């Protein structure tokens, strides 16, 4: 398992987009991503650095593993 420290919201959004998620729009400081066939949306805060818990929750909701996301970043 890799390290999730110091990942920005923008970098996380790009990684999820590489995994097939599509940007639906932005609401305030959050980017909303959707994926065909998945009921849940991802709401990624576009902060300078995401907390580890927030990033882990996004990864879990996307149905990915930590290593898969770190390979995409």
PDB file of N, CA and C in Angstrom:
ATOM      1  N   UNK A   1       0.847  -1.176   0.000  1.00  0.00           N
ATOM      2  CA  UNK A   1       0.000   0.000   0.000  1.00  0.00           C
ATOM      3  C   UNK A   1       0.889   1.233   0.000  1.00  0.00           C
ATOM      4  N   UNK A   2       0.550   2.177  -0.812  1.00  0.00           N
ATOM      5  CA  UNK A   2       1.331   3.400  -0.942  1.00  0.00           C
ATOM      6  C   UNK A   2       0.933   4.451   0.067  1.00  0.00           C
ATOM      7  N   UNK A   3       1.556   5.588  -0.050  1.00  0.00           N
ATOM      8  CA  UNK A   3       1.278   6.697   0.851  1.00  0.00           C
ATOM      9  C   UNK A   3       0.337   7.684   0.189  1.00  0.00           C
ATOM     10  N   UNK A   4      -0.599   8.181   0.961  1.00  0.00           N
ATOM     11  CA  UNK A   4      -1.595   9.110   0.445  1.00  0.00           C
ATOM     12  C   UNK A   4      -1.338  10.545   0.870  1.00  0.00           C
ATOM     13  N   UNK A   5      -0.232  10.805   1.528  1.00  0.00           N
ATOM     14  CA  UNK A   5       0.029  12.153   2.015  1.00  0.00           C
ATOM     15  C   UNK A   5       0.353  13.097   0.859  1.00  0.00           C
ATOM     16  N   UNK A   6       0.014  14.346   1.035  1.00  0.00           N
ATOM     17  CA  UNK A   6       0.349  15.429   0.106  1.00  0.00           C
ATOM     18  C   UNK A   6      -0.232  15.250  -1.295  1.00  0.00           C
ATOM     19  N   UNK A   7      -1.483  14.821  -1.376  1.00  0.00           N
ATOM     20  CA  UNK A   7      -2.169  14.728  -2.665  1.00  0.00           C
ATOM     21  C   UNK A   7      -3.157  15.884  -2.735  1.00  0.00           C
ATOM     22  N   UNK A   8      -3.053  16.688  -3.776  1.00  0.00           N
ATOM     23  CA  UNK A   8      -3.964  17.826  -3.914  1.00  0.00           C
ATOM     24  C   UNK A   8      -5.300  17.358  -4.483  1.00  0.00           C
ATOM     25  N   UNK A   9      -6.310  18.172  -4.312  1.00  0.00           N
ATOM     26  CA  UNK A   9      -7.619  17.866  -4.869  1.00  0.00           C
ATOM     27  C   UNK A   9      -7.588  17.803  -6.379  1.00  0.00           C
ATOM     28  N   UNK A  10      -6.827  18.680  -6.989  1.00  0.00           N
ATOM     29  CA  UNK A  10      -6.706  18.711  -8.453  1.00  0.00           C
ATOM     30  C   UNK A  10      -6.054  17.421  -8.962  1.00  0.00           C
ATOM     31  N   UNK A  11      -4.983  16.955  -8.286  1.00  0.00           N
ATOM     32  CA  UNK A  11      -4.304  15.717  -8.690  1.00  0.00           C
ATOM     33  C   UNK A  11      -5.224  14.509  -8.514  1.00  0.00           C
ATOM     34  N   UNK A  12      -6.004  14.499  -7.434  1.00  0.00           N
ATOM     35  CA  UNK A  12      -6.946  13.403  -7.211  1.00  0.00           C
ATOM     36  C   UNK A  12      -8.020  13.394  -8.294  1.00  0.00           C
ATOM     37  N   UNK A  13      -8.520  14.567  -8.667  1.00  0.00           N
ATOM     38  CA  UNK A  13      -9.548  14.657  -9.709  1.00  0.00           C
ATOM     39  C   UNK A  13      -9.017  14.126 -11.036  1.00  0.00           C
ATOM     40  N   UNK A  14      -7.789  14.459 -11.375  1.00  0.00           N
ATOM     41  CA  UNK A  14      -7.186  13.980 -12.625  1.00  0.00           C
ATOM     42  C   UNK A  14      -7.036  12.459 -12.587  1.00  0.00           C
ATOM     43  N   UNK A  15      -6.645  11.913 -11.437  1.00  0.00           N
ATOM     44  CA  UNK A  15      -6.493  10.462 -11.309  1.00  0.00           C
ATOM     45  C   UNK A  15      -7.833   9.756 -11.496  1.00  0.00           C
ATOM     46  N   UNK A  16      -8.897  10.287 -10.889  1.00  0.00           N
ATOM     47  CA  UNK A  16     -10.216   9.667 -11.042  1.00  0.00           C
ATOM     48  C   UNK A  16     -10.717   9.794 -12.478  1.00  0.00           C
ATOM     49  N   UNK A  17     -10.389  10.881 -13.147  1.00  0.00           N
ATOM     50  CA  UNK A  17     -10.789  11.034 -14.545  1.00  0.00           C
ATOM     51  C   UNK A  17     -10.060  10.022 -15.421  1.00  0.00           C
ATOM     52  N   UNK A  18      -8.818   9.714 -15.104  1.00  0.00           N
ATOM     53  CA  UNK A  18      -8.089   8.675 -15.842  1.00  0.00           C
ATOM     54  C   UNK A  18      -8.728   7.307 -15.627  1.00  0.00           C
ATOM     55  N   UNK A  19      -9.410   7.133 -14.490  1.00  0.00           N
ATOM     56  CA  UNK A  19     -10.067   5.863 -14.168  1.00  0.00           C
ATOM     57  C   UNK A  19     -11.471   5.783 -14.755  1.00  0.00           C
ATOM     58  N   UNK A  20     -11.872   6.786 -15.533  1.00  0.00           N
ATOM     59  CA  UNK A  20     -13.159   6.715 -16.211  1.00  0.00           C
ATOM     60  C   UNK A  20     -14.238   7.633 -15.681  1.00  0.00           C
ATOM     61  N   UNK A  21     -13.964   8.387 -14.639  1.00  0.00           N
ATOM     62  CA  UNK A  21     -14.938   9.332 -14.103  1.00  0.00           C
ATOM     63  C   UNK A  21     -14.920  10.593 -14.958  1.00  0.00           C
ATOM     64  N   UNK A  22     -16.080  11.238 -15.093  1.00  0.00           N
ATOM     65  CA  UNK A  22     -16.225  12.417 -15.946  1.00  0.00           C
ATOM     66  C   UNK A  22     -16.680  13.591 -15.087  1.00  0.00           C
ATOM     67  N   UNK A  23     -16.072  14.754 -15.303  1.00  0.00           N
ATOM     68  CA  UNK A  23     -16.441  15.956 -14.552  1.00  0.00           C
ATOM     69  C   UNK A  23     -17.821  16.431 -14.993  1.00  0.00           C
ATOM     70  N   UNK A  24     -18.737  16.528 -14.030  1.00  0.00           N
ATOM     71  CA  UNK A  24     -20.085  17.014 -14.295  1.00  0.00           C
ATOM     72  C   UNK A  24     -20.148  18.524 -14.134  1.00  0.00           C
ATOM     73  N   UNK A  25     -19.382  19.054 -13.203  1.00  0.00           N
ATOM     74  CA  UNK A  25     -19.362  20.489 -12.966  1.00  0.00           C
ATOM     75  C   UNK A  25     -18.710  20.788 -11.639  1.00  0.00           C
ATOM     76  N   UNK A  26     -18.704  22.050 -11.298  1.00  0.00           N
ATOM     77  CA  UNK A  26     -18.085  22.482 -10.059  1.00  0.00           C
ATOM     78  C   UNK A  26     -19.105  23.252  -9.250  1.00  0.00           C
ATOM     79  N   UNK A  27     -19.187  22.926  -7.963  1.00  0.00           N
ATOM     80  CA  UNK A  27     -20.067  23.630  -7.042  1.00  0.00           C
ATOM     81  C   UNK A  27     -19.177  24.204  -5.948  1.00  0.00           C
ATOM     82  N   UNK A  28     -18.971  25.502  -5.992  1.00  0.00           N
ATOM     83  CA  UNK A  28     -18.069  26.137  -5.036  1.00  0.00           C
ATOM     84  C   UNK A  28     -16.654  25.633  -5.236  1.00  0.00           C
ATOM     85  N   UNK A  29     -16.078  25.057  -4.184  1.00  0.00           N
ATOM     86  CA  UNK A  29     -14.705  24.555  -4.284  1.00  0.00           C
ATOM     87  C   UNK A  29     -14.669  23.043  -4.499  1.00  0.00           C
ATOM     88  N   UNK A  30     -15.806  22.442  -4.868  1.00  0.00           N
ATOM     89  CA  UNK A  30     -15.876  20.999  -5.065  1.00  0.00           C
ATOM     90  C   UNK A  30     -16.163  20.658  -6.524  1.00  0.00           C
ATOM     91  N   UNK A  31     -15.410  19.713  -7.054  1.00  0.00           N
ATOM     92  CA  UNK A  31     -15.619  19.209  -8.408  1.00  0.00           C
ATOM     93  C   UNK A  31     -16.454  17.939  -8.302  1.00  0.00           C
ATOM     94  N   UNK A  32     -17.540  17.857  -9.067  1.00  0.00           N
ATOM     95  CA  UNK A  32     -18.427  16.699  -9.034  1.00  0.00           C
ATOM     96  C   UNK A  32     -18.112  15.816 -10.238  1.00  0.00           C
ATOM     97  N   UNK A  33     -17.816  14.537  -9.950  1.00  0.00           N
ATOM     98  CA  UNK A  33     -17.508  13.569 -10.996  1.00  0.00           C
ATOM     99  C   UNK A  33     -18.580  12.489 -11.020  1.00  0.00           C
ATOM    100  N   UNK A  34     -18.923  12.011 -12.214  1.00  0.00           N
ATOM    101  CA  UNK A  34     -19.898  10.936 -12.380  1.00  0.00           C
ATOM    102  C   UNK A  34     -19.279   9.854 -13.260  1.00  0.00           C
ATOM    103  N   UNK A  35     -19.849   8.643 -13.169  1.00  0.00           N
ATOM    104  CA  UNK A  35     -19.384   7.538 -14.009  1.00  0.00           C
ATOM    105  C   UNK A  35     -20.592   6.721 -14.424  1.00  0.00           C
ATOM    106  N   UNK A  36     -20.650   6.383 -15.686  1.00  0.00           N
ATOM    107  CA  UNK A  36     -21.751   5.598 -16.216  1.00  0.00           C
ATOM    108  C   UNK A  36     -21.811   4.242 -15.511  1.00  0.00           C
ATOM    109  N   UNK A  37     -23.001   3.865 -15.070  1.00  0.00           N
ATOM    110  CA  UNK A  37     -23.185   2.586 -14.405  1.00  0.00           C
ATOM    111  C   UNK A  37     -22.947   2.617 -12.909  1.00  0.00           C
ATOM    112  N   UNK A  38     -22.562   3.759 -12.373  1.00  0.00           N
ATOM    113  CA  UNK A  38     -22.317   3.894 -10.935  1.00  0.00           C
ATOM    114  C   UNK A  38     -23.312   4.903 -10.379  1.00  0.00           C
ATOM    115  N   UNK A  39     -24.021   4.515  -9.319  1.00  0.00           N
ATOM    116  CA  UNK A  39     -25.044   5.398  -8.760  1.00  0.00           C
ATOM    117  C   UNK A  39     -24.459   6.593  -8.014  1.00  0.00           C
ATOM    118  N   UNK A  40     -23.332   6.390  -7.374  1.00  0.00           N
ATOM    119  CA  UNK A  40     -22.747   7.449  -6.546  1.00  0.00           C
ATOM    120  C   UNK A  40     -21.968   8.452  -7.393  1.00  0.00           C
ATOM    121  N   UNK A  41     -21.963   9.686  -6.944  1.00  0.00           N
ATOM    122  CA  UNK A  41     -21.125  10.733  -7.522  1.00  0.00           C
ATOM    123  C   UNK A  41     -19.947  10.963  -6.584  1.00  0.00           C
ATOM    124  N   UNK A  42     -18.860  11.447  -7.117  1.00  0.00           N
ATOM    125  CA  UNK A  42     -17.723  11.833  -6.289  1.00  0.00           C
ATOM    126  C   UNK A  42     -17.682  13.347  -6.212  1.00  0.00           C
ATOM    127  N   UNK A  43     -17.583  13.874  -5.016  1.00  0.00           N
ATOM    128  CA  UNK A  43     -17.462  15.309  -4.813  1.00  0.00           C
ATOM    129  C   UNK A  43     -16.074  15.567  -4.233  1.00  0.00           C
ATOM    130  N   UNK A  44     -15.176  16.055  -5.076  1.00  0.00           N
ATOM    131  CA  UNK A  44     -13.777  16.215  -4.687  1.00  0.00           C
ATOM    132  C   UNK A  44     -13.498  17.665  -4.323  1.00  0.00           C
ATOM    133  N   UNK A  45     -13.107  17.929  -3.066  1.00  0.00           N
ATOM    134  CA  UNK A  45     -12.738  19.295  -2.704  1.00  0.00           C
ATOM    135  C   UNK A  45     -11.431  19.683  -3.388  1.00  0.00           C
ATOM    136  N   UNK A  46     -11.425  20.818  -4.041  1.00  0.00           N
ATOM    137  CA  UNK A  46     -10.234  21.263  -4.776  1.00  0.00           C
ATOM    138  C   UNK A  46      -9.324  22.071  -3.857  1.00  0.00           C
ATOM    139  N   UNK A  47      -8.890  21.428  -2.782  1.00  0.00           N
ATOM    140  CA  UNK A  47      -8.012  22.070  -1.819  1.00  0.00           C
ATOM    141  C   UNK A  47      -6.563  21.798  -2.184  1.00  0.00           C
ATOM    142  N   UNK A  48      -5.690  22.566  -1.570  1.00  0.00           N
ATOM    143  CA  UNK A  48      -4.252  22.423  -1.825  1.00  0.00           C
ATOM    144  C   UNK A  48      -3.776  21.017  -1.451  1.00  0.00           C
ATOM    145  N   UNK A  49      -4.299  20.488  -0.351  1.00  0.00           N
ATOM    146  CA  UNK A  49      -3.939  19.149   0.103  1.00  0.00           C
ATOM    147  C   UNK A  49      -5.172  18.499   0.717  1.00  0.00           C
ATOM    148  N   UNK A  50      -5.492  17.277   0.280  1.00  0.00           N
ATOM    149  CA  UNK A  50      -6.629  16.548   0.832  1.00  0.00           C
ATOM    150  C   UNK A  50      -6.185  15.788   2.073  1.00  0.00           C
ATOM    151  N   UNK A  51      -7.075  15.700   3.064  1.00  0.00           N
ATOM    152  CA  UNK A  51      -6.751  14.879   4.224  1.00  0.00           C
ATOM    153  C   UNK A  51      -6.781  13.415   3.796  1.00  0.00           C
ATOM    154  N   UNK A  52      -6.034  12.592   4.499  1.00  0.00           N
ATOM    155  CA  UNK A  52      -5.927  11.180   4.145  1.00  0.00           C
ATOM    156  C   UNK A  52      -7.290  10.500   4.241  1.00  0.00           C
ATOM    157  N   UNK A  53      -8.073  10.837   5.260  1.00  0.00           N
ATOM    158  CA  UNK A  53      -9.394  10.235   5.427  1.00  0.00           C
ATOM    159  C   UNK A  53     -10.336  10.586   4.291  1.00  0.00           C
ATOM    160  N   UNK A  54     -10.301  11.830   3.842  1.00  0.00           N
ATOM    161  CA  UNK A  54     -11.144  12.259   2.722  1.00  0.00           C
ATOM    162  C   UNK A  54     -10.755  11.519   1.455  1.00  0.00           C
ATOM    163  N   UNK A  55      -9.464  11.410   1.199  1.00  0.00           N
ATOM    164  CA  UNK A  55      -8.999  10.726  -0.006  1.00  0.00           C
ATOM    165  C   UNK A  55      -9.342   9.238   0.036  1.00  0.00           C
ATOM    166  N   UNK A  56      -9.185   8.615   1.197  1.00  0.00           N
ATOM    167  CA  UNK A  56      -9.547   7.195   1.326  1.00  0.00           C
ATOM    168  C   UNK A  56     -11.040   6.985   1.083  1.00  0.00           C
ATOM    169  N   UNK A  57     -11.872   7.886   1.582  1.00  0.00           N
ATOM    170  CA  UNK A  57     -13.317   7.772   1.366  1.00  0.00           C
ATOM    171  C   UNK A  57     -13.653   7.911  -0.116  1.00  0.00           C
ATOM    172  N   UNK A  58     -13.004   8.838  -0.808  1.00  0.00           N
ATOM    173  CA  UNK A  58     -13.229   9.001  -2.243  1.00  0.00           C
ATOM    174  C   UNK A  58     -12.815   7.740  -3.003  1.00  0.00           C
ATOM    175  N   UNK A  59     -11.685   7.171  -2.628  1.00  0.00           N
ATOM    176  CA  UNK A  59     -11.200   5.952  -3.287  1.00  0.00           C
ATOM    177  C   UNK A  59     -12.181   4.804  -3.064  1.00  0.00           C
ATOM    178  N   UNK A  60     -12.659   4.659  -1.837  1.00  0.00           N
ATOM    179  CA  UNK A  60     -13.616   3.600  -1.515  1.00  0.00           C
ATOM    180  C   UNK A  60     -14.919   3.785  -2.286  1.00  0.00           C
ATOM    181  N   UNK A  61     -15.421   5.027  -2.349  1.00  0.00           N
ATOM    182  CA  UNK A  61     -16.669   5.299  -3.068  1.00  0.00           C
ATOM    183  C   UNK A  61     -16.524   5.075  -4.570  1.00  0.00           C
ATOM    184  N   UNK A  62     -15.319   5.245  -5.091  1.00  0.00           N
ATOM    185  CA  UNK A  62     -15.075   5.046  -6.520  1.00  0.00           C
ATOM    186  C   UNK A  62     -14.885   3.571  -6.860  1.00  0.00           C
ATOM    187  N   UNK A  63     -14.744   2.726  -5.845  1.00  0.00           N
ATOM    188  CA  UNK A  63     -14.547   1.303  -6.086  1.00  0.00           C
ATOM    189  C   UNK A  63     -13.133   0.966  -6.528  1.00  0.00           C
ATOM    190  N   UNK A  64     -12.178   1.788  -6.123  1.00  0.00           N
ATOM    191  CA  UNK A  64     -10.779   1.575  -6.488  1.00  0.00           C
ATOM    192  C   UNK A  64      -9.973   1.219  -5.245  1.00  0.00           C
ATOM    193  N   UNK A  65      -8.724   0.838  -5.452  1.00  0.00           N
ATOM    194  CA  UNK A  65      -7.815   0.599  -4.339  1.00  0.00           C
ATOM    195  C   UNK A  65      -6.821   1.756  -4.262  1.00  0.00           C
ATOM    196  N   UNK A  66      -6.157   1.857  -3.132  1.00  0.00           N
ATOM    197  CA  UNK A  66      -5.168   2.916  -2.931  1.00  0.00           C
ATOM    198  C   UNK A  66      -4.061   2.798  -3.975  1.00  0.00           C
ATOM    199  N   UNK A  67      -3.591   1.580  -4.210  1.00  0.00           N
ATOM    200  CA  UNK A  67      -2.498   1.386  -5.173  1.00  0.00           C
ATOM    201  C   UNK A  67      -2.917   1.768  -6.586  1.00  0.00           C
ATOM    202  N   UNK A  68      -4.162   1.471  -6.961  1.00  0.00           N
ATOM    203  CA  UNK A  68      -4.643   1.851  -8.295  1.00  0.00           C
ATOM    204  C   UNK A  68      -4.628   3.367  -8.470  1.00  0.00           C
ATOM    205  N   UNK A  69      -5.080   4.070  -7.450  1.00  0.00           N
ATOM    206  CA  UNK A  69      -5.124   5.532  -7.534  1.00  0.00           C
ATOM    207  C   UNK A  69      -3.714   6.111  -7.543  1.00  0.00           C
ATOM    208  N   UNK A  70      -2.828   5.574  -6.728  1.00  0.00           N
ATOM    209  CA  UNK A  70      -1.450   6.081  -6.704  1.00  0.00           C
ATOM    210  C   UNK A  70      -0.748   5.846  -8.035  1.00  0.00           C
ATOM    211  N   UNK A  71      -1.088   4.762  -8.732  1.00  0.00           N
ATOM    212  CA  UNK A  71      -0.518   4.530 -10.062  1.00  0.00           C
ATOM    213  C   UNK A  71      -1.017   5.566 -11.064  1.00  0.00           C
ATOM    214  N   UNK A  72      -2.233   6.084 -10.851  1.00  0.00           N
ATOM    215  CA  UNK A  72      -2.817   7.058 -11.773  1.00  0.00           C
ATOM    216  C   UNK A  72      -2.352   8.484 -11.506  1.00  0.00           C
ATOM    217  N   UNK A  73      -1.869   8.733 -10.293  1.00  0.00           N
ATOM    218  CA  UNK A  73      -1.455  10.097  -9.929  1.00  0.00           C
ATOM    219  C   UNK A  73      -0.123  10.425 -10.553  1.00  0.00           C
TER     220      UNK A  73
END
